[in-house]
Amino acid sequence: MTIRSAASVVALGLAVVLGAGPASAAGGIKGFWRTGDGRSVIEILDCNTGICGRIAGLPPDAPATDVNNPDEGKRSKPLCKLIMLHSFTQVSDTEWEDGTIYDPKSGKTYDAKMHLTGPDTLDLRGYVGISLLGRTDTWTRQQPGSFKAC
């Protein structure tokens, strides 16, 4: 192998590794997450507008439909599979910003950002206007089949 071909192999390998960084991190956030109160499970996945999340598991005492939605026309929509995280953009290997989170309990939507603090821990911060005016909820990764899907 010549020095030139060895350098090409190293450059190609480096490009593959560097190119895989953000994609690997994005894969790290995808999957099933139990909310901080332990009652619901949210599936985070790719959507047309960025990273989103839909309800994948609900507690038995949860309402079946989105009864608190401010839009009366949406109150009969099932909570199961409801997209509640919208339009997150990845800004680093572990952070996603510029998204929103819909709270079906209150019917309110908040600005939000997410931070992957470990392979199985996700901090989601919902806020009004600026991040200082908000609350962080720590979610834990769930394996498919480890919760009752709705």
N, C-alpha and C. Protein backbone atom coordinates (compact mmCIF):
# COMPACT_ATOMS: atom_id res chain seq x y z
N MET A 1 0.86 -1.17 0.00
CA MET A 1 0.00 0.00 0.00
C MET A 1 0.91 1.23 0.00
N THR A 2 0.62 2.17 -0.87
CA THR A 2 1.42 3.38 -0.95
C THR A 2 0.98 4.37 0.13
N ILE A 3 1.81 5.36 0.37
CA ILE A 3 1.47 6.39 1.35
C ILE A 3 0.20 7.12 0.92
N ARG A 4 0.10 7.37 -0.38
CA ARG A 4 -1.08 8.09 -0.88
C ARG A 4 -2.36 7.26 -0.66
N SER A 5 -2.35 5.97 -0.94
CA SER A 5 -3.56 5.16 -0.74
C SER A 5 -3.84 4.97 0.74
N ALA A 6 -2.81 4.87 1.58
CA ALA A 6 -3.02 4.76 3.02
C ALA A 6 -3.67 6.04 3.55
N ALA A 7 -3.21 7.19 3.06
CA ALA A 7 -3.79 8.47 3.47
C ALA A 7 -5.25 8.56 3.04
N SER A 8 -5.56 8.03 1.85
CA SER A 8 -6.94 8.05 1.36
C SER A 8 -7.84 7.19 2.25
N VAL A 9 -7.35 6.03 2.66
CA VAL A 9 -8.12 5.14 3.53
C VAL A 9 -8.36 5.80 4.87
N VAL A 10 -7.32 6.44 5.44
CA VAL A 10 -7.47 7.14 6.72
C VAL A 10 -8.47 8.28 6.58
N ALA A 11 -8.37 9.06 5.50
CA ALA A 11 -9.29 10.19 5.29
C ALA A 11 -10.72 9.70 5.14
N LEU A 12 -10.91 8.60 4.40
CA LEU A 12 -12.25 8.05 4.23
C LEU A 12 -12.80 7.57 5.57
N GLY A 13 -11.97 6.86 6.34
CA GLY A 13 -12.40 6.38 7.65
C GLY A 13 -12.76 7.52 8.58
N LEU A 14 -11.96 8.58 8.56
CA LEU A 14 -12.23 9.74 9.39
C LEU A 14 -13.53 10.42 8.97
N ALA A 15 -13.75 10.52 7.68
CA ALA A 15 -14.99 11.13 7.18
C ALA A 15 -16.21 10.32 7.62
N VAL A 16 -16.10 9.00 7.58
CA VAL A 16 -17.21 8.15 8.00
C VAL A 16 -17.47 8.34 9.49
N VAL A 17 -16.41 8.33 10.30
CA VAL A 17 -16.58 8.48 11.74
C VAL A 17 -17.14 9.86 12.07
N LEU A 18 -16.58 10.91 11.50
CA LEU A 18 -17.07 12.26 11.79
C LEU A 18 -18.48 12.45 11.25
N GLY A 19 -18.77 11.90 10.12
CA GLY A 19 -20.11 12.02 9.55
C GLY A 19 -21.14 11.27 10.36
N ALA A 20 -20.72 10.22 11.05
CA ALA A 20 -21.67 9.42 11.81
C ALA A 20 -21.99 10.03 13.16
N GLY A 21 -21.19 10.99 13.64
CA GLY A 21 -21.37 11.57 14.96
C GLY A 21 -22.77 12.08 15.22
N PRO A 22 -23.23 13.13 14.53
CA PRO A 22 -24.55 13.66 14.79
C PRO A 22 -25.66 12.66 14.50
N ALA A 23 -25.50 11.87 13.46
CA ALA A 23 -26.54 10.88 13.14
C ALA A 23 -26.65 9.86 14.27
N SER A 24 -25.51 9.46 14.83
CA SER A 24 -25.54 8.52 15.94
C SER A 24 -26.21 9.13 17.15
N ALA A 25 -25.91 10.42 17.39
CA ALA A 25 -26.53 11.10 18.52
C ALA A 25 -28.04 11.21 18.31
N ALA A 26 -28.46 11.51 17.08
CA ALA A 26 -29.89 11.60 16.80
C ALA A 26 -30.54 10.25 17.06
N GLY A 27 -29.87 9.16 16.69
CA GLY A 27 -30.38 7.84 16.98
C GLY A 27 -30.47 7.59 18.47
N GLY A 28 -29.60 8.26 19.22
CA GLY A 28 -29.59 8.11 20.66
C GLY A 28 -30.83 8.65 21.34
N ILE A 29 -31.44 9.64 20.75
CA ILE A 29 -32.63 10.22 21.36
C ILE A 29 -33.89 9.47 20.93
N LYS A 30 -33.83 8.80 19.82
CA LYS A 30 -35.01 8.10 19.31
C LYS A 30 -35.29 6.87 20.15
N GLY A 31 -36.56 6.59 20.31
CA GLY A 31 -36.97 5.42 21.09
C GLY A 31 -38.07 5.79 22.06
N PHE A 32 -38.24 4.97 23.07
CA PHE A 32 -39.33 5.12 24.03
C PHE A 32 -38.79 5.68 25.35
N TRP A 33 -39.51 6.66 25.90
CA TRP A 33 -39.08 7.36 27.12
C TRP A 33 -40.24 7.47 28.10
N ARG A 34 -39.99 7.08 29.35
CA ARG A 34 -40.99 7.22 30.41
C ARG A 34 -40.85 8.62 31.00
N THR A 35 -41.98 9.31 31.14
CA THR A 35 -41.97 10.67 31.68
C THR A 35 -41.55 10.65 33.14
N GLY A 36 -41.19 11.82 33.65
CA GLY A 36 -40.67 11.94 35.02
C GLY A 36 -41.62 11.44 36.09
N ASP A 37 -42.91 11.59 35.88
CA ASP A 37 -43.87 11.10 36.88
C ASP A 37 -44.10 9.59 36.78
N GLY A 38 -43.49 8.96 35.77
CA GLY A 38 -43.57 7.51 35.61
C GLY A 38 -44.87 7.01 35.03
N ARG A 39 -45.76 7.89 34.64
CA ARG A 39 -47.09 7.46 34.22
C ARG A 39 -47.25 7.23 32.73
N SER A 40 -46.53 7.96 31.90
CA SER A 40 -46.72 7.85 30.45
C SER A 40 -45.41 7.51 29.76
N VAL A 41 -45.53 6.97 28.54
CA VAL A 41 -44.36 6.68 27.71
C VAL A 41 -44.54 7.42 26.40
N ILE A 42 -43.46 8.09 25.97
CA ILE A 42 -43.46 8.86 24.74
C ILE A 42 -42.44 8.24 23.79
N GLU A 43 -42.84 8.07 22.54
CA GLU A 43 -41.91 7.59 21.52
C GLU A 43 -41.35 8.80 20.77
N ILE A 44 -40.03 8.95 20.79
CA ILE A 44 -39.37 10.03 20.05
C ILE A 44 -38.89 9.46 18.73
N LEU A 45 -39.20 10.17 17.64
CA LEU A 45 -38.89 9.69 16.30
C LEU A 45 -38.70 10.87 15.35
N ASP A 46 -38.30 10.56 14.12
CA ASP A 46 -38.19 11.57 13.07
C ASP A 46 -39.57 11.87 12.51
N CYS A 47 -39.85 13.15 12.27
CA CYS A 47 -41.07 13.57 11.60
C CYS A 47 -40.67 14.52 10.47
N ASN A 48 -41.62 14.91 9.67
CA ASN A 48 -41.34 15.82 8.55
C ASN A 48 -40.73 17.14 8.99
N THR A 49 -41.06 17.61 10.18
CA THR A 49 -40.60 18.92 10.64
C THR A 49 -39.45 18.83 11.64
N GLY A 50 -38.82 17.68 11.77
CA GLY A 50 -37.73 17.49 12.73
C GLY A 50 -38.04 16.34 13.67
N ILE A 51 -37.38 16.35 14.81
CA ILE A 51 -37.63 15.32 15.82
C ILE A 51 -38.96 15.63 16.49
N CYS A 52 -39.78 14.59 16.67
CA CYS A 52 -41.07 14.76 17.33
C CYS A 52 -41.29 13.61 18.31
N GLY A 53 -42.39 13.65 19.02
CA GLY A 53 -42.70 12.58 19.96
C GLY A 53 -44.20 12.36 20.05
N ARG A 54 -44.58 11.09 20.16
CA ARG A 54 -46.00 10.77 20.27
C ARG A 54 -46.23 9.88 21.49
N ILE A 55 -47.42 9.96 22.02
CA ILE A 55 -47.78 9.17 23.19
C ILE A 55 -47.86 7.71 22.78
N ALA A 56 -47.11 6.86 23.52
CA ALA A 56 -47.07 5.43 23.21
C ALA A 56 -47.66 4.58 24.33
N GLY A 57 -47.73 5.14 25.52
CA GLY A 57 -48.28 4.41 26.66
C GLY A 57 -48.91 5.37 27.64
N LEU A 58 -50.09 5.03 28.13
CA LEU A 58 -50.83 5.89 29.06
C LEU A 58 -51.22 5.12 30.31
N PRO A 59 -51.36 5.81 31.44
CA PRO A 59 -51.86 5.12 32.64
C PRO A 59 -53.34 4.76 32.47
N PRO A 60 -53.79 3.77 33.20
CA PRO A 60 -55.19 3.32 33.06
C PRO A 60 -56.22 4.41 33.36
N ASP A 61 -55.88 5.37 34.22
CA ASP A 61 -56.85 6.40 34.59
C ASP A 61 -56.80 7.63 33.68
N ALA A 62 -56.00 7.59 32.62
CA ALA A 62 -55.92 8.73 31.69
C ALA A 62 -57.18 8.79 30.83
N PRO A 63 -57.60 10.00 30.47
CA PRO A 63 -58.74 10.09 29.56
C PRO A 63 -58.38 9.49 28.20
N ALA A 64 -59.35 8.98 27.50
CA ALA A 64 -59.10 8.35 26.20
C ALA A 64 -58.88 9.39 25.10
N THR A 65 -59.44 10.58 25.29
CA THR A 65 -59.35 11.61 24.25
C THR A 65 -58.73 12.88 24.82
N ASP A 66 -58.41 13.79 23.94
CA ASP A 66 -57.74 15.04 24.28
C ASP A 66 -58.75 16.07 24.80
N VAL A 67 -59.38 15.76 25.92
CA VAL A 67 -60.51 16.54 26.45
C VAL A 67 -60.15 17.97 26.85
N ASN A 68 -58.88 18.26 27.10
CA ASN A 68 -58.48 19.60 27.54
C ASN A 68 -57.94 20.47 26.41
N ASN A 69 -58.01 19.98 25.18
CA ASN A 69 -57.49 20.75 24.06
C ASN A 69 -58.28 22.05 23.92
N PRO A 70 -57.58 23.20 23.76
CA PRO A 70 -58.31 24.46 23.60
C PRO A 70 -59.14 24.53 22.32
N ASP A 71 -58.79 23.70 21.33
CA ASP A 71 -59.55 23.63 20.08
C ASP A 71 -60.65 22.58 20.26
N GLU A 72 -61.88 23.03 20.42
CA GLU A 72 -63.00 22.10 20.68
C GLU A 72 -63.09 20.99 19.64
N GLY A 73 -62.70 21.27 18.41
CA GLY A 73 -62.76 20.27 17.35
C GLY A 73 -61.77 19.13 17.53
N LYS A 74 -60.78 19.30 18.39
CA LYS A 74 -59.77 18.27 18.61
C LYS A 74 -59.99 17.49 19.91
N ARG A 75 -61.00 17.85 20.67
CA ARG A 75 -61.21 17.21 21.97
C ARG A 75 -61.63 15.74 21.87
N SER A 76 -62.12 15.32 20.74
CA SER A 76 -62.51 13.92 20.58
C SER A 76 -61.37 13.08 20.00
N LYS A 77 -60.24 13.70 19.71
CA LYS A 77 -59.08 12.98 19.15
C LYS A 77 -58.45 12.10 20.24
N PRO A 78 -58.13 10.84 19.92
CA PRO A 78 -57.53 9.96 20.92
C PRO A 78 -56.17 10.47 21.39
N LEU A 79 -55.88 10.29 22.70
CA LEU A 79 -54.56 10.64 23.23
C LEU A 79 -53.49 9.66 22.76
N CYS A 80 -53.87 8.41 22.62
CA CYS A 80 -52.92 7.41 22.16
C CYS A 80 -52.42 7.78 20.75
N LYS A 81 -51.12 7.83 20.59
CA LYS A 81 -50.44 8.17 19.33
C LYS A 81 -50.48 9.67 19.02
N LEU A 82 -50.99 10.48 19.94
CA LEU A 82 -51.03 11.92 19.73
C LEU A 82 -49.60 12.48 19.71
N ILE A 83 -49.28 13.25 18.68
CA ILE A 83 -47.98 13.91 18.60
C ILE A 83 -47.99 15.06 19.59
N MET A 84 -47.11 15.01 20.59
CA MET A 84 -47.08 16.06 21.61
C MET A 84 -45.76 16.82 21.64
N LEU A 85 -44.72 16.27 21.02
CA LEU A 85 -43.45 16.97 20.85
C LEU A 85 -43.35 17.32 19.38
N HIS A 86 -43.02 18.58 19.08
CA HIS A 86 -43.01 19.03 17.69
C HIS A 86 -41.72 19.77 17.34
N SER A 87 -41.19 19.50 16.15
CA SER A 87 -40.23 20.35 15.45
C SER A 87 -38.91 20.63 16.16
N PHE A 88 -38.34 19.65 16.83
CA PHE A 88 -37.05 19.85 17.49
C PHE A 88 -35.93 19.76 16.46
N THR A 89 -34.94 20.62 16.62
CA THR A 89 -33.78 20.66 15.75
C THR A 89 -32.54 20.31 16.57
N GLN A 90 -31.71 19.42 16.04
CA GLN A 90 -30.49 19.03 16.74
C GLN A 90 -29.46 20.15 16.62
N VAL A 91 -28.91 20.58 17.77
CA VAL A 91 -27.91 21.65 17.78
C VAL A 91 -26.54 21.17 18.25
N SER A 92 -26.47 19.98 18.83
CA SER A 92 -25.20 19.36 19.21
C SER A 92 -25.45 17.86 19.30
N ASP A 93 -24.42 17.12 19.66
CA ASP A 93 -24.57 15.67 19.77
C ASP A 93 -25.60 15.27 20.82
N THR A 94 -25.86 16.15 21.79
CA THR A 94 -26.74 15.78 22.89
C THR A 94 -27.89 16.77 23.12
N GLU A 95 -28.06 17.76 22.24
CA GLU A 95 -29.08 18.78 22.48
C GLU A 95 -29.96 19.04 21.26
N TRP A 96 -31.25 19.24 21.57
CA TRP A 96 -32.25 19.56 20.56
C TRP A 96 -33.03 20.77 21.07
N GLU A 97 -33.26 21.75 20.19
CA GLU A 97 -33.92 22.98 20.60
C GLU A 97 -35.01 23.38 19.62
N ASP A 98 -35.63 24.51 19.92
CA ASP A 98 -36.62 25.15 19.05
C ASP A 98 -37.84 24.26 18.79
N GLY A 99 -38.17 23.43 19.76
CA GLY A 99 -39.35 22.60 19.64
C GLY A 99 -40.46 23.08 20.56
N THR A 100 -41.56 22.36 20.54
CA THR A 100 -42.66 22.64 21.45
C THR A 100 -43.14 21.33 22.07
N ILE A 101 -43.74 21.46 23.24
CA ILE A 101 -44.37 20.32 23.90
C ILE A 101 -45.80 20.70 24.26
N TYR A 102 -46.70 19.81 23.92
CA TYR A 102 -48.11 19.98 24.24
C TYR A 102 -48.41 19.16 25.49
N ASP A 103 -49.03 19.77 26.48
CA ASP A 103 -49.40 19.09 27.72
C ASP A 103 -50.89 18.76 27.67
N PRO A 104 -51.25 17.51 27.44
CA PRO A 104 -52.68 17.16 27.35
C PRO A 104 -53.44 17.35 28.66
N LYS A 105 -52.72 17.37 29.80
CA LYS A 105 -53.40 17.58 31.08
C LYS A 105 -53.97 18.99 31.19
N SER A 106 -53.21 19.97 30.66
CA SER A 106 -53.65 21.36 30.77
C SER A 106 -54.18 21.92 29.45
N GLY A 107 -53.86 21.26 28.34
CA GLY A 107 -54.24 21.78 27.03
C GLY A 107 -53.34 22.90 26.56
N LYS A 108 -52.19 23.08 27.21
CA LYS A 108 -51.28 24.17 26.86
C LYS A 108 -50.07 23.65 26.11
N THR A 109 -49.51 24.52 25.27
CA THR A 109 -48.30 24.21 24.51
C THR A 109 -47.19 25.14 24.97
N TYR A 110 -46.00 24.58 25.16
CA TYR A 110 -44.85 25.33 25.65
C TYR A 110 -43.68 25.19 24.68
N ASP A 111 -42.82 26.21 24.66
CA ASP A 111 -41.54 26.07 23.98
C ASP A 111 -40.77 25.01 24.74
N ALA A 112 -39.84 24.32 24.05
CA ALA A 112 -39.13 23.24 24.73
C ALA A 112 -37.78 22.98 24.10
N LYS A 113 -36.92 22.37 24.90
CA LYS A 113 -35.64 21.89 24.43
C LYS A 113 -35.34 20.59 25.17
N MET A 114 -34.47 19.76 24.60
CA MET A 114 -34.13 18.47 25.18
C MET A 114 -32.62 18.33 25.25
N HIS A 115 -32.18 17.65 26.31
CA HIS A 115 -30.76 17.39 26.50
C HIS A 115 -30.58 15.94 26.92
N LEU A 116 -29.87 15.19 26.11
CA LEU A 116 -29.57 13.79 26.42
C LEU A 116 -28.41 13.80 27.42
N THR A 117 -28.70 13.50 28.69
CA THR A 117 -27.69 13.58 29.75
C THR A 117 -26.95 12.26 29.95
N GLY A 118 -27.42 11.22 29.33
CA GLY A 118 -26.80 9.89 29.37
C GLY A 118 -27.51 9.02 28.36
N PRO A 119 -27.04 7.81 28.15
CA PRO A 119 -27.68 6.96 27.14
C PRO A 119 -29.14 6.63 27.45
N ASP A 120 -29.51 6.69 28.75
CA ASP A 120 -30.87 6.34 29.15
C ASP A 120 -31.57 7.44 29.93
N THR A 121 -31.05 8.67 29.84
CA THR A 121 -31.62 9.79 30.58
C THR A 121 -31.75 11.01 29.68
N LEU A 122 -32.93 11.60 29.67
CA LEU A 122 -33.23 12.74 28.83
C LEU A 122 -33.88 13.82 29.68
N ASP A 123 -33.31 15.03 29.65
CA ASP A 123 -33.94 16.16 30.32
C ASP A 123 -34.72 16.95 29.28
N LEU A 124 -36.00 17.11 29.52
CA LEU A 124 -36.86 17.91 28.64
C LEU A 124 -37.30 19.13 29.43
N ARG A 125 -37.02 20.31 28.88
CA ARG A 125 -37.38 21.56 29.56
C ARG A 125 -38.46 22.27 28.76
N GLY A 126 -39.60 22.47 29.39
CA GLY A 126 -40.68 23.25 28.80
C GLY A 126 -40.67 24.62 29.43
N TYR A 127 -40.92 25.66 28.64
CA TYR A 127 -40.84 27.02 29.16
C TYR A 127 -41.73 27.97 28.38
N VAL A 128 -41.91 29.16 28.96
CA VAL A 128 -42.69 30.21 28.33
C VAL A 128 -41.73 31.35 28.02
N GLY A 129 -41.50 31.60 26.74
CA GLY A 129 -40.65 32.72 26.34
C GLY A 129 -39.17 32.44 26.44
N ILE A 130 -38.64 32.38 27.67
CA ILE A 130 -37.22 32.10 27.88
C ILE A 130 -37.08 30.88 28.76
N SER A 131 -35.97 30.18 28.58
CA SER A 131 -35.76 28.91 29.28
C SER A 131 -35.76 29.05 30.81
N LEU A 132 -35.40 30.24 31.31
CA LEU A 132 -35.40 30.44 32.76
C LEU A 132 -36.79 30.31 33.36
N LEU A 133 -37.81 30.59 32.56
CA LEU A 133 -39.19 30.52 33.02
C LEU A 133 -39.79 29.18 32.62
N GLY A 134 -39.29 28.13 33.23
CA GLY A 134 -39.78 26.81 32.85
C GLY A 134 -39.50 25.75 33.89
N ARG A 135 -39.69 24.52 33.45
CA ARG A 135 -39.52 23.36 34.34
C ARG A 135 -38.89 22.24 33.53
N THR A 136 -37.96 21.53 34.17
CA THR A 136 -37.31 20.39 33.54
C THR A 136 -37.88 19.10 34.09
N ASP A 137 -38.14 18.18 33.19
CA ASP A 137 -38.63 16.85 33.55
C ASP A 137 -37.60 15.84 33.04
N THR A 138 -37.18 14.93 33.89
CA THR A 138 -36.19 13.93 33.49
C THR A 138 -36.91 12.65 33.09
N TRP A 139 -36.67 12.22 31.85
CA TRP A 139 -37.28 11.02 31.31
C TRP A 139 -36.25 9.90 31.27
N THR A 140 -36.72 8.64 31.37
CA THR A 140 -35.82 7.49 31.30
C THR A 140 -36.23 6.59 30.14
N ARG A 141 -35.20 6.05 29.50
CA ARG A 141 -35.42 5.19 28.34
C ARG A 141 -36.15 3.92 28.74
N GLN A 142 -37.05 3.49 27.86
CA GLN A 142 -37.80 2.25 28.05
C GLN A 142 -37.57 1.35 26.84
N GLN A 143 -37.49 0.09 27.07
CA GLN A 143 -37.35 -0.86 25.98
C GLN A 143 -38.75 -1.22 25.46
N PRO A 144 -38.87 -1.41 24.15
CA PRO A 144 -40.18 -1.86 23.62
C PRO A 144 -40.62 -3.12 24.35
N GLY A 145 -41.88 -3.18 24.69
CA GLY A 145 -42.42 -4.34 25.39
C GLY A 145 -42.29 -4.25 26.91
N SER A 146 -41.59 -3.22 27.44
CA SER A 146 -41.43 -3.08 28.88
C SER A 146 -42.54 -2.23 29.50
N PHE A 147 -43.49 -1.81 28.67
CA PHE A 147 -44.62 -0.99 29.16
C PHE A 147 -45.85 -1.41 28.37
N LYS A 148 -47.01 -1.06 28.93
CA LYS A 148 -48.26 -1.38 28.23
C LYS A 148 -48.51 -0.29 27.18
N ALA A 149 -48.38 -0.69 25.93
CA ALA A 149 -48.62 0.26 24.83
C ALA A 149 -50.11 0.55 24.73
N CYS A 150 -50.42 1.77 24.32
CA CYS A 150 -51.84 2.12 24.19
C CYS A 150 -52.30 1.86 22.77
